[in-house]
Amino acid sequence: MEALKLTRVLKSNTVLQTVTQKHGHVGLTNCANKSWRINLDRCQVVASLDGPSTRYLQQKQVDLFIRPLTQFHIDQDKDEDDEEMVVAKLRLVAAAAVDREEMHAALAQQRDGWNKLLLPSLTNITLAALILQPLPSNDTNNVVATLLHGFSTALMCGMNKMQPSQLAEEQRMAARLFRQLNTDIHTNLALPPYLRQDKCADSFLTKAYKAVLALDEAYPLPLFPGMLDKFPKIVQPAVWWSQQQNHQTQNQPQTNNNKTINGWSAELETELRGVSETLKSGDIAEFVGLSRKVLGVNSILAITGPLLTGIAGALNLNGAMLSMSMVAGVLGVVGNTLSHAGQVGMVFEMYRNCAGFYHLLDSSIADTLSEADPEARENGELFRWRLASQLGRDPHSPLADSASKFAGKLF
């Protein structure tokens, strides 16, 4: 079986002095008296070559690929208790994600129920007012019809302000993202350290907890205060992740053209940069544009519905304009039905989330390529497979299709 050189794990100026075995790990001491250890589940010490300063490791399990030891998980000055503490904290974060998922799922059902209950109630109230108007004229009928029109106008304004269908979509999206976060945590814990997205457990813990806080901010649980603006002046992709400091990605590949390091090659980096450009110019721009169009339609419907219903109530006070009052009331009901039965607010939120999904993929590419050391990145092959599955593309085919202006095929 092929042997792997241990000195590739450590920095070039490190010289090993002693090798000890303790608690199922190989303990190494360098000339700076810093302790290192490597999990013996994956490797074992074999014969020393070229003096005491060089040791070789050999993989124990034949069904796993031989990889450079720079990809093995090595902790410096860290006890097993510390590792167990990090894992315990990650499980607490996963439990918090599950709890929030259940809360958001319950709110999604509740707010979807608002739309299903308020819309027919509002329609019936307006129709009742329209039925009273042509009846034999008397003060009671006029007062009741006017009051019903006034109440339906106020209720329409409240519904258009909150957009129940959009509220339900926000909570459904939040529940899905918390479920995904919980899955990501358990998946990373199950993977060997050198295949994880973040090889440092402490760093992954920090990112996972920041992800929970970012989701809490992006999709607040209470309706007041904190409700998201349903008619924003500037339409942007939804952002539900913790945004890191902007990195300047290198235009030139960081890996040698003839070399593959940790699954990364110059060809792969060039391909990912092409995907990033396509996402920005095609997918993200397309869904942001659709969001603007849907928002414009919803804004018109949100204004015309209550306005026409209010006009119907005002004209009802003048008996000579009864026909115009009834026409205005009917048009108000039609506009409100188109807005809420058609769930136009939900469609706007869906398009905004689609733009946010592709924006997240673009950000993950930029953040990964901004790391100059390929060894510190997620494995390049796994990163490409994950990106292909999220884009809905075949991982065996090129991800950047020059014949198409869109990178994603999922939606």
Protein backbone atom coordinates (compact mmCIF):
# COMPACT_ATOMS: atom_id res chain seq x y z
CA MET A 1 0.00 0.00 0.00
CA GLU A 2 1.30 3.45 -0.93
CA ALA A 3 2.83 5.47 1.93
CA LEU A 4 2.15 9.15 2.53
CA LYS A 5 4.78 11.55 3.78
CA LEU A 6 3.94 13.15 7.09
CA THR A 7 6.11 16.23 6.60
CA ARG A 8 3.61 17.47 3.98
CA VAL A 9 1.15 17.99 6.81
CA LEU A 10 3.34 20.44 8.67
CA LYS A 11 4.92 23.69 7.65
CA SER A 12 8.23 23.60 5.86
CA ASN A 13 10.20 24.84 8.86
CA THR A 14 8.88 22.10 11.19
CA VAL A 15 11.18 19.25 12.21
CA LEU A 16 9.71 16.31 14.12
CA GLN A 17 11.51 15.24 17.27
CA THR A 18 9.35 12.57 18.91
CA VAL A 19 6.41 10.40 18.01
CA THR A 20 4.13 9.09 20.76
CA GLN A 21 0.85 7.23 20.79
CA LYS A 22 -1.84 8.20 23.31
CA HIS A 23 -5.65 7.87 23.50
CA GLY A 24 -5.92 6.38 20.01
CA HIS A 25 -4.00 9.20 18.35
CA VAL A 26 -0.49 9.66 17.03
CA GLY A 27 1.08 12.48 19.03
CA LEU A 28 3.83 14.49 17.37
CA THR A 29 6.13 17.05 18.95
CA ASN A 30 8.06 19.54 16.86
CA CYS A 31 11.02 21.73 17.79
CA ALA A 32 8.66 24.52 18.92
CA ASN A 33 7.22 22.10 21.52
CA LYS A 34 3.75 22.27 19.98
CA SER A 35 1.73 19.08 20.06
CA TRP A 36 -0.01 17.68 17.00
CA ARG A 37 -2.19 14.62 16.71
CA ILE A 38 -3.76 12.63 13.89
CA ASN A 39 -6.72 10.31 14.28
CA LEU A 40 -5.59 6.70 14.11
CA ASP A 41 -8.93 5.62 12.60
CA ARG A 42 -7.55 6.64 9.21
CA CYS A 43 -3.79 6.22 9.41
CA GLN A 44 -0.98 4.47 11.27
CA VAL A 45 2.72 5.02 11.84
CA VAL A 46 5.04 2.79 9.82
CA ALA A 47 8.81 2.47 9.64
CA SER A 48 10.93 5.59 9.98
CA LEU A 49 12.96 6.59 6.95
CA ASP A 50 15.80 9.07 6.58
CA GLY A 51 16.28 9.62 10.30
CA PRO A 52 13.99 10.68 13.13
CA SER A 53 12.85 13.89 11.44
CA THR A 54 10.74 12.08 8.85
CA ARG A 55 7.82 9.75 9.50
CA TYR A 56 5.47 8.08 7.09
CA LEU A 57 1.78 7.36 7.47
CA GLN A 58 -0.12 4.66 5.71
CA GLN A 59 -3.87 4.46 5.27
CA LYS A 60 -5.45 1.52 7.07
CA GLN A 61 -8.68 1.11 5.09
CA VAL A 62 -8.16 -0.07 1.51
CA ASP A 63 -11.62 1.05 0.35
CA LEU A 64 -10.74 4.74 0.76
CA PHE A 65 -8.66 6.77 -1.65
CA ILE A 66 -5.10 7.70 -0.74
CA ARG A 67 -5.02 11.49 -0.33
CA PRO A 68 -2.30 13.98 0.69
CA LEU A 69 -2.08 14.25 4.44
CA THR A 70 -2.71 17.96 4.25
CA GLN A 71 -6.36 16.91 3.98
CA PHE A 72 -6.39 14.92 7.22
CA HIS A 73 -7.92 16.62 10.25
CA ILE A 74 -5.12 17.85 12.54
CA ASP A 75 -5.76 19.80 15.72
CA GLN A 76 -3.09 21.84 17.46
CA ASP A 77 -3.17 22.17 21.26
CA LYS A 78 -6.68 20.73 21.33
CA ASP A 79 -7.93 17.95 23.56
CA GLU A 80 -10.56 15.37 22.73
CA ASP A 81 -12.83 17.04 25.25
CA ASP A 82 -12.70 20.24 23.20
CA GLU A 83 -13.71 18.37 20.07
CA GLU A 84 -16.61 16.74 21.87
CA MET A 85 -17.67 20.16 23.15
CA VAL A 86 -17.72 21.57 19.62
CA VAL A 87 -19.81 18.62 18.41
CA ALA A 88 -22.21 19.09 21.34
CA LYS A 89 -22.61 22.78 20.49
CA LEU A 90 -23.27 21.91 16.85
CA ARG A 91 -26.00 19.51 17.93
CA LEU A 92 -27.54 22.29 20.04
CA VAL A 93 -27.54 24.58 17.00
CA ALA A 94 -29.19 21.80 14.97
CA ALA A 95 -31.84 21.38 17.69
CA ALA A 96 -32.50 25.15 17.61
CA ALA A 97 -32.90 24.95 13.82
CA VAL A 98 -35.45 22.12 14.18
CA ASP A 99 -37.39 24.12 16.79
CA ARG A 100 -37.51 27.19 14.56
CA GLU A 101 -38.54 25.07 11.61
CA GLU A 102 -41.60 23.88 13.52
CA MET A 103 -42.51 27.43 14.60
CA HIS A 104 -42.25 28.82 11.07
CA ALA A 105 -44.23 25.88 9.64
CA ALA A 106 -47.04 26.54 12.14
CA LEU A 107 -47.06 30.25 11.25
CA ALA A 108 -47.16 29.40 7.54
CA GLN A 109 -50.34 27.40 8.06
CA GLN A 110 -51.86 30.14 10.20
CA ARG A 111 -51.17 32.94 7.72
CA ASP A 112 -52.29 30.85 4.78
CA GLY A 113 -55.51 30.38 6.73
CA TRP A 114 -55.86 34.16 7.00
CA ASN A 115 -55.93 34.43 3.22
CA LYS A 116 -58.44 31.59 2.86
CA LEU A 117 -60.77 33.01 5.51
CA LEU A 118 -60.49 36.76 4.97
CA LEU A 119 -60.93 36.73 1.19
CA PRO A 120 -64.39 35.04 1.07
CA SER A 121 -65.52 37.03 4.11
CA LEU A 122 -64.52 40.29 2.45
CA THR A 123 -66.19 39.31 -0.82
CA ASN A 124 -69.44 38.39 0.98
CA ILE A 125 -69.49 41.69 2.88
CA THR A 126 -69.07 43.71 -0.30
CA LEU A 127 -71.69 41.68 -2.16
CA ALA A 128 -74.13 42.15 0.73
CA ALA A 129 -73.69 45.92 0.42
CA LEU A 130 -74.27 45.73 -3.34
CA ILE A 131 -77.46 43.71 -2.83
CA LEU A 132 -78.84 46.29 -0.36
CA GLN A 133 -78.28 49.23 -2.70
CA PRO A 134 -81.00 48.53 -5.35
CA LEU A 135 -83.63 47.67 -2.72
CA PRO A 136 -86.44 50.19 -2.09
CA SER A 137 -84.73 53.32 -0.93
CA ASN A 138 -84.86 54.07 2.76
CA ASP A 139 -82.47 55.50 5.28
CA THR A 140 -81.72 52.14 6.91
CA ASN A 141 -80.65 50.42 3.69
CA ASN A 142 -78.43 53.35 2.69
CA VAL A 143 -76.75 53.51 6.09
CA VAL A 144 -76.16 49.74 6.28
CA ALA A 145 -74.81 49.58 2.70
CA THR A 146 -72.50 52.52 3.36
CA LEU A 147 -71.22 50.96 6.57
CA LEU A 148 -70.59 47.65 4.83
CA HIS A 149 -68.67 49.39 2.06
CA GLY A 150 -66.64 51.29 4.64
CA PHE A 151 -65.82 48.14 6.58
CA SER A 152 -64.84 46.22 3.43
CA THR A 153 -62.62 49.15 2.38
CA ALA A 154 -60.81 49.12 5.75
CA LEU A 155 -60.44 45.33 5.64
CA MET A 156 -59.06 45.49 2.10
CA CYS A 157 -56.48 48.05 3.19
CA GLY A 158 -55.36 45.79 6.02
CA MET A 159 -55.11 42.72 3.79
CA ASN A 160 -53.21 44.62 1.11
CA LYS A 161 -50.80 45.96 3.71
CA MET A 162 -50.04 42.51 5.17
CA GLN A 163 -50.39 40.37 2.00
CA PRO A 164 -51.33 37.09 3.78
CA SER A 165 -50.25 34.91 0.84
CA GLN A 166 -46.80 36.55 0.91
CA LEU A 167 -46.60 36.15 4.69
CA ALA A 168 -47.30 32.43 4.31
CA GLU A 169 -44.64 32.07 1.59
CA GLU A 170 -42.06 33.80 3.80
CA GLN A 171 -42.72 31.36 6.63
CA ARG A 172 -42.66 28.34 4.32
CA MET A 173 -39.31 29.49 2.97
CA ALA A 174 -37.96 30.01 6.49
CA ALA A 175 -39.08 26.52 7.54
CA ARG A 176 -37.37 24.99 4.50
CA LEU A 177 -34.12 26.87 5.14
CA PHE A 178 -33.99 25.87 8.82
CA ARG A 179 -34.62 22.26 7.78
CA GLN A 180 -31.77 22.56 5.29
CA LEU A 181 -29.46 24.01 7.95
CA ASN A 182 -30.20 21.09 10.26
CA THR A 183 -29.44 18.65 7.43
CA ASP A 184 -26.19 20.44 6.57
CA ILE A 185 -24.98 20.23 10.18
CA HIS A 186 -25.62 16.50 10.48
CA THR A 187 -24.16 15.84 7.01
CA ASN A 188 -20.94 17.66 7.87
CA LEU A 189 -20.66 15.80 11.18
CA ALA A 190 -21.00 12.49 9.33
CA LEU A 191 -18.37 13.30 6.72
CA PRO A 192 -14.66 12.75 7.33
CA PRO A 193 -12.98 16.07 8.23
CA TYR A 194 -11.02 16.44 4.99
CA LEU A 195 -14.26 16.29 2.94
CA ARG A 196 -16.23 18.85 4.94
CA GLN A 197 -17.10 22.27 3.58
CA ASP A 198 -15.18 23.78 6.48
CA LYS A 199 -12.30 21.68 7.76
CA CYS A 200 -12.13 23.58 11.07
CA ALA A 201 -14.90 22.51 13.44
CA ASP A 202 -14.81 25.78 15.40
CA SER A 203 -15.21 27.80 12.21
CA PHE A 204 -18.11 25.63 11.07
CA LEU A 205 -19.79 26.07 14.46
CA THR A 206 -19.49 29.85 14.19
CA LYS A 207 -20.91 29.86 10.67
CA ALA A 208 -23.80 27.58 11.64
CA TYR A 209 -24.80 29.81 14.56
CA LYS A 210 -24.51 32.94 12.41
CA ALA A 211 -26.75 31.22 9.87
CA VAL A 212 -29.44 30.79 12.54
CA LEU A 213 -29.23 34.46 13.50
CA ALA A 214 -29.28 35.55 9.85
CA LEU A 215 -32.43 33.50 9.20
CA ASP A 216 -34.08 34.98 12.30
CA GLU A 217 -33.40 38.43 10.89
CA ALA A 218 -34.44 37.61 7.32
CA TYR A 219 -37.73 35.95 8.31
CA PRO A 220 -38.96 37.39 11.63
CA LEU A 221 -41.56 35.42 13.59
CA PRO A 222 -43.68 38.34 14.95
CA LEU A 223 -45.99 40.23 12.63
CA PHE A 224 -45.60 43.53 14.50
CA PRO A 225 -42.98 44.84 14.84
CA GLY A 226 -40.62 43.43 12.26
CA MET A 227 -42.89 42.57 9.34
CA LEU A 228 -41.02 42.74 6.04
CA ASP A 229 -41.96 45.52 3.63
CA LYS A 230 -44.39 44.07 1.09
CA PHE A 231 -43.91 46.92 -1.39
CA PRO A 232 -40.19 47.78 -1.34
CA LYS A 233 -39.00 50.75 -3.38
CA ILE A 234 -35.91 48.84 -4.52
CA VAL A 235 -36.33 45.19 -5.47
CA GLN A 236 -33.31 43.05 -4.60
CA PRO A 237 -32.71 39.28 -4.27
CA ALA A 238 -33.70 37.85 -0.91
CA VAL A 239 -30.73 37.41 1.45
CA TRP A 240 -31.06 34.90 4.27
CA TRP A 241 -27.42 34.06 4.99
CA SER A 242 -24.68 35.76 6.97
CA GLN A 243 -22.83 37.86 4.45
CA GLN A 244 -19.07 37.81 4.90
CA GLN A 245 -16.76 40.64 4.08
CA ASN A 246 -16.55 41.05 0.34
CA HIS A 247 -13.57 39.26 -1.13
CA GLN A 248 -11.80 40.23 -4.32
CA THR A 249 -11.58 37.09 -6.36
CA GLN A 250 -8.40 36.57 -8.31
CA ASN A 251 -8.74 36.76 -12.08
CA GLN A 252 -5.97 34.23 -12.51
CA PRO A 253 -6.34 30.62 -11.34
CA GLN A 254 -4.66 29.85 -8.03
CA THR A 255 -3.65 26.33 -9.02
CA ASN A 256 -1.03 25.16 -11.45
CA ASN A 257 -2.34 24.33 -14.92
CA ASN A 258 -0.87 20.84 -14.78
CA LYS A 259 -1.70 20.12 -11.16
CA THR A 260 -4.78 19.14 -9.18
CA ILE A 261 -4.74 20.02 -5.48
CA ASN A 262 -7.60 18.98 -3.19
CA GLY A 263 -9.79 18.46 -6.25
CA TRP A 264 -9.02 21.96 -7.59
CA SER A 265 -7.45 22.73 -10.94
CA ALA A 266 -7.05 25.81 -13.11
CA GLU A 267 -9.70 24.43 -15.47
CA LEU A 268 -12.23 24.07 -12.66
CA GLU A 269 -11.60 27.59 -11.36
CA THR A 270 -12.07 29.02 -14.86
CA GLU A 271 -15.31 27.08 -15.26
CA LEU A 272 -16.67 28.35 -11.94
CA ARG A 273 -15.85 31.95 -12.85
CA GLY A 274 -17.85 31.47 -16.05
CA VAL A 275 -20.79 30.12 -14.02
CA SER A 276 -20.59 33.13 -11.69
CA GLU A 277 -20.74 35.60 -14.58
CA THR A 278 -23.69 33.75 -16.12
CA LEU A 279 -25.56 33.76 -12.81
CA LYS A 280 -25.13 37.52 -12.44
CA SER A 281 -26.06 38.48 -15.98
CA GLY A 282 -28.72 35.82 -16.58
CA ASP A 283 -30.46 34.07 -13.71
CA ILE A 284 -30.33 36.74 -11.01
CA ALA A 285 -31.18 39.59 -13.39
CA GLU A 286 -34.08 37.57 -14.87
CA PHE A 287 -35.79 36.85 -11.55
CA VAL A 288 -35.21 40.35 -10.20
CA GLY A 289 -36.88 41.70 -13.35
CA LEU A 290 -39.84 39.34 -12.91
CA SER A 291 -40.12 40.41 -9.27
CA ARG A 292 -40.35 44.07 -10.31
CA LYS A 293 -43.12 43.32 -12.82
CA VAL A 294 -45.19 41.30 -10.34
CA LEU A 295 -44.68 43.96 -7.66
CA GLY A 296 -45.96 46.62 -10.08
CA VAL A 297 -49.12 44.61 -10.81
CA ASN A 298 -49.69 43.93 -7.12
CA SER A 299 -49.24 47.60 -6.25
CA ILE A 300 -51.92 48.61 -8.76
CA LEU A 301 -54.35 45.98 -7.47
CA ALA A 302 -53.63 46.91 -3.84
CA ILE A 303 -54.56 50.54 -4.54
CA THR A 304 -57.51 50.14 -6.91
CA GLY A 305 -59.41 47.58 -4.81
CA PRO A 306 -59.91 49.69 -1.66
CA LEU A 307 -60.20 52.88 -3.73
CA LEU A 308 -63.10 51.57 -5.83
CA THR A 309 -64.85 50.10 -2.81
CA GLY A 310 -64.55 53.42 -0.97
CA ILE A 311 -65.91 55.27 -3.99
CA ALA A 312 -68.85 52.84 -4.07
CA GLY A 313 -69.65 53.65 -0.45
CA ALA A 314 -69.44 57.41 -1.07
CA LEU A 315 -71.62 57.29 -4.20
CA ASN A 316 -74.19 55.22 -2.35
CA LEU A 317 -75.05 58.31 -0.31
CA ASN A 318 -76.24 59.96 -3.53
CA GLY A 319 -79.28 58.07 -4.79
CA ALA A 320 -78.89 59.48 -8.29
CA MET A 321 -75.52 57.73 -8.74
CA LEU A 322 -76.63 54.27 -7.67
CA SER A 323 -75.50 52.55 -10.89
CA MET A 324 -72.00 54.03 -10.71
CA SER A 325 -71.77 53.00 -7.07
CA MET A 326 -72.62 49.38 -7.91
CA VAL A 327 -70.14 49.29 -10.81
CA ALA A 328 -67.36 50.66 -8.57
CA GLY A 329 -68.18 48.10 -5.86
CA VAL A 330 -68.09 45.18 -8.31
CA LEU A 331 -64.76 46.34 -9.78
CA GLY A 332 -63.34 46.67 -6.27
CA VAL A 333 -64.31 43.07 -5.49
CA VAL A 334 -62.77 41.87 -8.77
CA GLY A 335 -59.48 43.70 -8.10
CA ASN A 336 -59.25 42.34 -4.56
CA THR A 337 -60.03 38.80 -5.76
CA LEU A 338 -57.33 38.97 -8.43
CA SER A 339 -54.79 40.16 -5.87
CA HIS A 340 -55.44 37.65 -3.08
CA ALA A 341 -57.07 34.66 -4.79
CA GLY A 342 -54.30 34.86 -7.39
CA GLN A 343 -51.76 35.15 -4.54
CA VAL A 344 -49.82 37.83 -6.40
CA GLY A 345 -47.86 38.67 -3.24
CA MET A 346 -46.75 35.05 -2.95
CA VAL A 347 -45.60 35.08 -6.59
CA PHE A 348 -43.51 38.19 -5.91
CA GLU A 349 -41.88 36.55 -2.89
CA MET A 350 -41.27 33.35 -4.87
CA TYR A 351 -39.44 35.23 -7.64
CA ARG A 352 -37.44 37.19 -5.07
CA ASN A 353 -36.41 33.96 -3.34
CA CYS A 354 -35.40 32.43 -6.69
CA ALA A 355 -33.12 35.42 -7.30
CA GLY A 356 -31.76 35.00 -3.76
CA PHE A 357 -31.08 31.30 -4.38
CA TYR A 358 -28.88 32.07 -7.39
CA HIS A 359 -27.31 35.00 -5.55
CA LEU A 360 -26.31 32.57 -2.77
CA LEU A 361 -24.68 30.24 -5.31
CA ASP A 362 -22.76 33.16 -6.81
CA SER A 363 -21.62 34.25 -3.34
CA SER A 364 -20.46 30.72 -2.46
CA ILE A 365 -18.37 30.59 -5.65
CA ALA A 366 -16.83 34.00 -4.94
CA ASP A 367 -16.07 33.16 -1.29
CA THR A 368 -14.51 29.82 -2.21
CA LEU A 369 -12.32 31.19 -5.00
CA SER A 370 -11.21 34.09 -2.80
CA GLU A 371 -9.35 31.55 -0.64
CA ALA A 372 -5.89 31.48 -2.21
CA ASP A 373 -4.87 28.13 -0.71
CA PRO A 374 -6.71 25.25 -2.45
CA GLU A 375 -5.98 23.01 0.56
CA ALA A 376 -8.08 25.28 2.80
CA ARG A 377 -11.11 25.09 0.49
CA GLU A 378 -13.82 22.49 0.31
CA ASN A 379 -12.83 19.60 -1.94
CA GLY A 380 -13.13 20.88 -5.51
CA GLU A 381 -14.82 17.78 -6.90
CA LEU A 382 -17.48 17.79 -4.17
CA PHE A 383 -18.00 21.54 -4.57
CA ARG A 384 -18.64 21.12 -8.29
CA TRP A 385 -21.04 18.21 -7.76
CA ARG A 386 -23.00 20.16 -5.16
CA LEU A 387 -23.16 23.22 -7.43
CA ALA A 388 -24.33 21.08 -10.36
CA SER A 389 -27.13 19.54 -8.28
CA GLN A 390 -28.28 22.97 -7.12
CA LEU A 391 -28.28 24.30 -10.68
CA GLY A 392 -30.13 21.23 -11.95
CA ARG A 393 -27.30 20.31 -14.33
CA ASP A 394 -25.47 17.10 -15.13
CA PRO A 395 -22.16 17.13 -13.21
CA HIS A 396 -20.53 15.20 -16.05
CA SER A 397 -21.29 18.05 -18.48
CA PRO A 398 -19.88 21.61 -18.52
CA LEU A 399 -21.63 23.87 -16.02
CA ALA A 400 -21.00 27.02 -18.07
CA ASP A 401 -22.98 26.59 -21.30
CA SER A 402 -21.96 29.28 -23.77
CA ALA A 403 -25.08 28.62 -25.88
CA SER A 404 -27.42 29.55 -22.98
CA LYS A 405 -27.61 32.82 -21.12
CA PHE A 406 -28.82 31.05 -17.97
CA ALA A 407 -26.76 28.81 -15.68
CA GLY A 408 -29.64 27.25 -13.76
CA LYS A 409 -32.06 24.66 -15.15
CA LEU A 410 -33.91 23.96 -11.91
CA PHE A 411 -36.19 26.99 -12.34
